[in-house]
Amino acid sequence: MRIAALPRIFARRGVSQFASVSEKAKYVPRRSLLYVPASNEKMTAKIPIIKSDSVVIELEDGVALTAKAAARKNAVKLLDELTGTMMSNFELGLRVNSVSSGLIEEDLKELAKASHLPAAFMIPKVDTPEEVATIYDLFRTAYGADRITDTPVRLVIWIESTRALLDMPRIVSSMINLQRNSGFFKLDGVVFGSDDFCADIGATRTAEGLENLYARQRFVTVCKAFQLQAIDSVYIDLKDEEGLRKSCLQGHGWGFTGKQCIHPSQLATVQECFRPSPDKVEWAKALADAFSMHQHSGTGAFSFRGQMIDRPLLLQAMNILQMEERIQGGGL
């Protein structure tokens, strides 16, 4: 086995090991996603100082139907005011409404008036592979093909129904193939929407979350099969910090890379729990060094600490190192 070439970042030293990596390929930490309703100007004014890995300008569930039009206009203003400014987060995302809601077309028509795109577009309730083509057509109609082709903008989607969970491999494959064939935004992560999923199956939400056990495990398995970030469901009890910590540690142990947050008070706990442990960072650094030596030797397959190394493991190490560097540099 010969491992396909990766960016030659492991052997680099200096200010950043990842200086040569393009913006499209850089790892964006999303240990936490915090929603900020675009209709609430008091909250949106705080976006630059919110210490969440990803801050999401919200047009969907967090905005009342009667406030959608004003929220869209405010989102346009925020994109143009905040893009390129110093902020306390790694990513400014924007969540539009779903295809099934019938509201996404108006969202995109208004958002296209902004001079800037968000760092990530976030699309909820993607239920079928067929919706993928619809999403692309709506973006292309609103923005024009040039503005959405071969950009560093990422895409994050939500899986929130039984149908979507069962069709998830096809949905993800369709998104990835669309990007490869058209240059559309790169799918970077997937979010599990537990509230809508529970409503769909008729389950009652509990603190333990046993009603979502199968769904979360299937969800994270599919994400990892396609090397995508897996973002876990919200923890709804704001007063139960210990329960939040337990939920985070469980999710991290299962392979989730981050968690949705509904209040800034959850951020510190969530980001601490989803930060790579010192042992994991040491493993990633040691594997990076071993791979660098392997590249110089020109040999084929190699083993590291008794394990044969393949591309997914190398990418995992690269992502850990990029995350740790960005966390240390950003103070999050």
Protein backbone atom coordinates (compact mmCIF):
# COMPACT_ATOMS: atom_id res chain seq x y z
CA MET A 1 0.00 0.00 0.00
CA ARG A 2 1.26 3.47 -0.87
CA ILE A 3 -0.29 6.41 0.94
CA ALA A 4 -1.51 9.20 -1.31
CA ALA A 5 0.35 12.46 -0.97
CA LEU A 6 -0.76 14.86 1.73
CA PRO A 7 0.21 18.51 2.09
CA ARG A 8 3.84 18.60 3.21
CA ILE A 9 2.98 20.30 6.45
CA PHE A 10 4.29 17.83 8.95
CA ALA A 11 7.95 18.66 8.46
CA ARG A 12 7.46 22.42 8.59
CA ARG A 13 8.31 24.41 11.70
CA GLY A 14 7.96 28.09 12.56
CA VAL A 15 5.02 30.33 13.20
CA SER A 16 2.59 27.89 11.61
CA GLN A 17 3.03 24.36 10.32
CA PHE A 18 0.06 24.97 8.03
CA ALA A 19 1.10 28.16 6.26
CA SER A 20 1.30 26.33 2.93
CA VAL A 21 -2.17 24.79 3.24
CA SER A 22 -4.84 26.51 1.14
CA GLU A 23 -7.86 28.07 2.82
CA LYS A 24 -10.04 25.40 1.21
CA ALA A 25 -8.09 22.62 2.91
CA LYS A 26 -7.59 24.14 6.35
CA TYR A 27 -9.37 22.53 9.27
CA VAL A 28 -12.03 24.72 10.89
CA PRO A 29 -12.63 23.76 14.54
CA ARG A 30 -16.30 23.48 15.38
CA ARG A 31 -16.24 22.23 18.94
CA SER A 32 -19.15 24.57 19.58
CA LEU A 33 -21.87 26.05 17.36
CA LEU A 34 -23.76 28.95 18.94
CA TYR A 35 -26.85 30.34 17.23
CA VAL A 36 -27.48 34.10 17.20
CA PRO A 37 -30.90 35.10 15.79
CA ALA A 38 -30.43 37.71 13.07
CA SER A 39 -33.64 39.37 14.26
CA ASN A 40 -32.13 40.23 17.65
CA GLU A 41 -29.82 43.22 17.16
CA LYS A 42 -28.83 43.27 20.83
CA MET A 43 -27.44 39.74 20.48
CA THR A 44 -25.91 40.22 17.02
CA ALA A 45 -23.96 43.22 18.35
CA LYS A 46 -22.06 40.78 20.58
CA ILE A 47 -20.97 38.46 17.75
CA PRO A 48 -17.37 39.81 17.56
CA ILE A 49 -16.71 38.97 21.23
CA ILE A 50 -18.48 35.61 21.44
CA LYS A 51 -15.86 32.94 22.15
CA SER A 52 -17.49 30.11 20.24
CA ASP A 53 -15.57 28.19 17.58
CA SER A 54 -18.46 28.78 15.18
CA VAL A 55 -20.99 31.59 15.56
CA VAL A 56 -24.07 31.03 13.42
CA ILE A 57 -26.22 33.93 12.22
CA GLU A 58 -29.63 32.36 12.47
CA LEU A 59 -32.53 32.74 10.04
CA GLU A 60 -34.31 29.48 10.80
CA ASP A 61 -35.83 28.20 14.07
CA GLY A 62 -34.56 31.07 16.20
CA VAL A 63 -36.44 33.68 14.14
CA ALA A 64 -40.21 34.11 14.22
CA LEU A 65 -42.01 33.97 10.89
CA THR A 66 -43.08 37.59 11.26
CA ALA A 67 -39.45 38.64 11.79
CA LYS A 68 -37.92 36.77 8.84
CA ALA A 69 -37.81 39.74 6.45
CA ALA A 70 -36.10 42.03 8.96
CA ALA A 71 -33.71 39.22 9.96
CA ARG A 72 -32.62 38.73 6.34
CA LYS A 73 -31.82 42.43 5.95
CA ASN A 74 -29.88 42.44 9.19
CA ALA A 75 -27.96 39.33 8.10
CA VAL A 76 -26.85 41.14 4.93
CA LYS A 77 -25.64 44.05 7.05
CA LEU A 78 -23.79 41.72 9.44
CA LEU A 79 -21.99 39.86 6.64
CA ASP A 80 -20.65 43.10 5.17
CA GLU A 81 -19.76 44.66 8.50
CA LEU A 82 -18.10 41.66 10.14
CA THR A 83 -16.27 39.96 7.27
CA GLY A 84 -12.56 40.61 7.63
CA THR A 85 -12.80 42.11 11.12
CA MET A 86 -11.12 40.77 14.26
CA MET A 87 -13.45 38.40 16.10
CA SER A 88 -13.19 35.97 18.98
CA ASN A 89 -14.39 32.99 16.94
CA PHE A 90 -12.99 30.87 14.13
CA GLU A 91 -15.99 30.97 11.84
CA LEU A 92 -18.97 33.17 11.05
CA GLY A 93 -21.64 30.90 9.63
CA LEU A 94 -25.15 31.59 8.44
CA ARG A 95 -28.07 29.20 8.71
CA VAL A 96 -30.82 29.67 6.15
CA ASN A 97 -34.25 28.06 6.20
CA SER A 98 -34.82 24.59 4.79
CA VAL A 99 -35.96 23.66 1.30
CA SER A 100 -39.12 22.09 2.73
CA SER A 101 -40.05 25.32 4.54
CA GLY A 102 -40.43 27.21 1.25
CA LEU A 103 -38.46 30.11 2.76
CA ILE A 104 -34.93 29.44 1.53
CA GLU A 105 -35.50 31.10 -1.84
CA GLU A 106 -36.36 34.43 -0.20
CA ASP A 107 -33.40 34.00 2.17
CA LEU A 108 -30.92 33.59 -0.67
CA LYS A 109 -32.46 36.34 -2.82
CA GLU A 110 -31.87 38.84 0.00
CA LEU A 111 -28.50 37.43 1.16
CA ALA A 112 -27.11 37.69 -2.37
CA LYS A 113 -27.27 41.48 -1.95
CA ALA A 114 -24.37 41.27 0.52
CA SER A 115 -20.91 41.89 -0.92
CA HIS A 116 -19.51 39.03 1.15
CA LEU A 117 -20.38 35.40 1.67
CA PRO A 118 -20.30 33.83 5.14
CA ALA A 119 -17.43 31.51 5.99
CA ALA A 120 -19.98 28.70 6.00
CA PHE A 121 -23.51 28.30 4.75
CA MET A 122 -25.58 26.07 6.99
CA ILE A 123 -28.64 24.28 5.68
CA PRO A 124 -31.14 22.55 7.99
CA LYS A 125 -33.45 19.61 7.39
CA VAL A 126 -31.84 18.09 4.30
CA ASP A 127 -34.13 15.08 4.03
CA THR A 128 -33.39 13.47 0.66
CA PRO A 129 -30.60 13.20 -1.92
CA GLU A 130 -32.92 14.91 -4.41
CA GLU A 131 -32.89 18.08 -2.29
CA VAL A 132 -29.16 18.47 -2.96
CA ALA A 133 -29.77 19.44 -6.60
CA THR A 134 -32.54 21.81 -5.50
CA ILE A 135 -30.19 23.52 -3.03
CA TYR A 136 -27.57 24.03 -5.73
CA ASP A 137 -30.12 25.40 -8.21
CA LEU A 138 -31.44 27.87 -5.62
CA PHE A 139 -27.94 29.13 -4.80
CA ARG A 140 -26.99 29.40 -8.47
CA THR A 141 -30.17 31.33 -9.26
CA ALA A 142 -29.70 33.79 -6.39
CA TYR A 143 -25.93 34.30 -6.54
CA GLY A 144 -24.94 33.36 -10.08
CA ALA A 145 -22.57 30.50 -10.78
CA ASP A 146 -19.34 32.52 -10.43
CA ARG A 147 -19.94 33.58 -6.82
CA ILE A 148 -20.52 30.01 -5.59
CA THR A 149 -17.85 28.20 -7.59
CA ASP A 150 -14.40 27.30 -6.24
CA THR A 151 -14.63 29.47 -3.13
CA PRO A 152 -13.30 28.71 0.38
CA VAL A 153 -16.87 28.80 1.72
CA ARG A 154 -17.81 25.62 3.58
CA LEU A 155 -21.15 23.85 3.81
CA VAL A 156 -22.71 22.34 6.94
CA ILE A 157 -25.99 20.45 6.76
CA TRP A 158 -28.49 19.15 9.32
CA ILE A 159 -29.94 15.65 9.56
CA GLU A 160 -33.20 15.91 11.51
CA SER A 161 -35.66 13.23 10.40
CA THR A 162 -35.93 9.45 10.26
CA ARG A 163 -35.93 9.55 6.47
CA ALA A 164 -32.81 11.70 6.42
CA LEU A 165 -31.01 9.44 8.88
CA LEU A 166 -31.73 6.36 6.77
CA ASP A 167 -30.79 8.17 3.55
CA MET A 168 -27.79 9.92 5.10
CA PRO A 169 -25.07 8.08 3.11
CA ARG A 170 -26.80 9.00 -0.17
CA ILE A 171 -27.37 12.60 0.93
CA VAL A 172 -23.73 13.03 1.90
CA SER A 173 -22.50 11.31 -1.27
CA SER A 174 -24.67 13.61 -3.38
CA MET A 175 -23.25 16.69 -1.65
CA ILE A 176 -19.66 15.54 -2.10
CA ASN A 177 -20.21 14.62 -5.75
CA LEU A 178 -21.86 17.99 -6.39
CA GLN A 179 -18.80 19.78 -5.06
CA ARG A 180 -16.44 17.68 -7.14
CA ASN A 181 -18.43 18.12 -10.34
CA SER A 182 -19.49 21.76 -10.05
CA GLY A 183 -17.07 23.46 -7.64
CA PHE A 184 -19.93 24.22 -5.22
CA PHE A 185 -19.18 24.75 -1.51
CA LYS A 186 -17.29 21.94 0.20
CA LEU A 187 -19.31 19.86 2.64
CA ASP A 188 -17.36 20.11 5.89
CA GLY A 189 -19.66 18.88 8.63
CA VAL A 190 -23.06 17.49 9.52
CA VAL A 191 -25.23 18.36 12.54
CA PHE A 192 -27.68 16.03 14.27
CA GLY A 193 -30.99 17.76 15.02
CA SER A 194 -32.34 15.75 17.94
CA ASP A 195 -35.49 17.75 18.70
CA ASP A 196 -36.98 17.33 15.24
CA PHE A 197 -35.81 13.73 15.10
CA CYS A 198 -37.55 12.89 18.38
CA ALA A 199 -40.71 14.58 17.16
CA ASP A 200 -40.51 12.55 13.95
CA ILE A 201 -40.34 9.21 15.75
CA GLY A 202 -42.73 10.22 18.54
CA ALA A 203 -40.12 9.91 21.27
CA THR A 204 -39.96 11.88 24.51
CA ARG A 205 -36.77 13.82 25.17
CA THR A 206 -34.95 12.74 28.33
CA ALA A 207 -31.84 14.00 30.07
CA GLU A 208 -30.08 10.68 29.43
CA GLY A 209 -30.87 10.78 25.72
CA LEU A 210 -31.42 7.03 25.38
CA GLU A 211 -34.17 7.70 22.85
CA ASN A 212 -31.45 8.95 20.46
CA LEU A 213 -28.87 6.26 21.15
CA TYR A 214 -29.16 4.43 17.82
CA ALA A 215 -29.63 7.62 15.82
CA ARG A 216 -26.52 9.32 17.22
CA GLN A 217 -24.36 6.25 16.71
CA ARG A 218 -25.52 5.76 13.13
CA PHE A 219 -25.10 9.48 12.50
CA VAL A 220 -21.51 9.66 13.72
CA THR A 221 -20.61 6.45 11.87
CA VAL A 222 -21.77 7.87 8.55
CA CYS A 223 -19.94 11.15 9.20
CA LYS A 224 -16.68 9.36 9.87
CA ALA A 225 -17.12 7.09 6.85
CA PHE A 226 -17.00 10.27 4.74
CA GLN A 227 -14.38 12.02 6.92
CA LEU A 228 -16.78 14.79 7.96
CA GLN A 229 -17.14 16.63 11.24
CA ALA A 230 -19.98 15.23 13.34
CA ILE A 231 -21.75 17.84 15.47
CA ASP A 232 -23.88 16.52 18.32
CA SER A 233 -27.32 17.60 19.51
CA VAL A 234 -28.04 20.36 22.01
CA TYR A 235 -28.21 19.84 25.76
CA ILE A 236 -31.35 21.69 26.73
CA ASP A 237 -30.99 22.03 30.54
CA LEU A 238 -29.00 25.24 30.98
CA LYS A 239 -28.75 24.80 34.76
CA ASP A 240 -27.27 21.30 34.63
CA GLU A 241 -23.57 21.87 33.94
CA GLU A 242 -22.60 18.40 35.11
CA GLY A 243 -25.15 16.84 32.77
CA LEU A 244 -23.80 18.95 29.92
CA ARG A 245 -20.24 17.81 30.68
CA LYS A 246 -21.32 14.18 30.79
CA SER A 247 -23.13 14.52 27.46
CA CYS A 248 -20.08 16.18 25.86
CA LEU A 249 -17.64 13.56 27.12
CA GLN A 250 -19.91 10.78 25.92
CA GLY A 251 -20.23 12.36 22.48
CA HIS A 252 -16.51 13.02 22.22
CA GLY A 253 -15.82 9.43 23.21
CA TRP A 254 -18.13 8.22 20.44
CA GLY A 255 -16.35 10.30 17.81
CA PHE A 256 -18.36 13.51 17.69
CA THR A 257 -16.21 16.58 17.01
CA GLY A 258 -18.44 19.24 18.52
CA LYS A 259 -21.81 20.18 19.97
CA GLN A 260 -24.55 22.71 19.37
CA CYS A 261 -25.01 25.33 22.08
CA ILE A 262 -28.11 27.31 22.91
CA HIS A 263 -26.53 29.75 25.39
CA PRO A 264 -23.07 31.31 25.84
CA SER A 265 -22.91 29.81 29.35
CA GLN A 266 -22.42 26.38 27.74
CA LEU A 267 -19.42 27.34 25.62
CA ALA A 268 -16.55 26.90 28.09
CA THR A 269 -17.64 23.39 29.11
CA VAL A 270 -18.34 22.26 25.55
CA GLN A 271 -15.06 23.57 24.15
CA GLU A 272 -13.03 22.10 26.98
CA CYS A 273 -14.60 18.66 26.54
CA PHE A 274 -14.10 18.57 22.78
CA ARG A 275 -10.51 19.81 22.85
CA PRO A 276 -8.02 17.03 22.00
CA SER A 277 -6.39 15.63 25.13
CA PRO A 278 -2.62 16.14 25.68
CA ASP A 279 -2.13 12.43 24.95
CA LYS A 280 -4.00 12.75 21.64
CA VAL A 281 -1.96 15.81 20.65
CA GLU A 282 1.27 13.96 21.50
CA TRP A 283 0.11 11.00 19.36
CA ALA A 284 -0.67 13.32 16.44
CA LYS A 285 2.72 15.07 16.67
CA ALA A 286 4.59 11.77 16.88
CA LEU A 287 2.65 10.34 13.91
CA ALA A 288 3.31 13.53 11.93
CA ASP A 289 7.04 13.20 12.56
CA ALA A 290 6.98 9.51 11.65
CA PHE A 291 5.15 10.29 8.43
CA SER A 292 7.67 13.00 7.57
CA MET A 293 10.50 10.49 7.93
CA HIS A 294 8.51 7.99 5.89
CA GLN A 295 8.13 10.51 3.05
CA HIS A 296 11.85 11.15 2.96
CA SER A 297 12.63 7.42 2.85
CA GLY A 298 10.36 6.89 -0.16
CA THR A 299 9.07 3.55 1.15
CA GLY A 300 5.52 2.26 0.87
CA ALA A 301 3.31 1.37 3.82
CA PHE A 302 4.60 1.95 7.33
CA SER A 303 3.55 1.19 10.87
CA PHE A 304 3.43 3.46 13.89
CA ARG A 305 3.30 2.16 17.45
CA GLY A 306 2.24 -1.25 16.19
CA GLN A 307 -0.50 0.02 13.87
CA MET A 308 -0.47 0.13 10.09
CA ILE A 309 -1.02 3.72 8.96
CA ASP A 310 -3.48 4.75 6.26
CA ARG A 311 -4.70 8.07 4.91
CA PRO A 312 -7.68 8.53 7.30
CA LEU A 313 -5.38 8.23 10.32
CA LEU A 314 -2.99 10.77 8.82
CA LEU A 315 -5.84 13.17 8.14
CA GLN A 316 -7.04 12.70 11.71
CA ALA A 317 -3.57 13.61 13.00
CA MET A 318 -3.41 16.63 10.70
CA ASN A 319 -6.81 17.86 11.89
CA ILE A 320 -5.82 17.49 15.55
CA LEU A 321 -2.64 19.49 15.01
CA GLN A 322 -4.44 22.20 13.06
CA MET A 323 -7.14 22.42 15.71
CA GLU A 324 -4.65 22.67 18.55
CA GLU A 325 -2.62 25.33 16.76
CA ARG A 326 -5.70 27.42 16.05
CA ILE A 327 -7.02 27.04 19.60
CA GLN A 328 -3.71 28.16 21.07
CA GLY A 329 -3.43 31.03 18.62
CA GLY A 330 -7.02 32.15 19.08
CA GLY A 331 -7.20 31.77 22.82
CA LEU A 332 -10.43 29.74 22.67
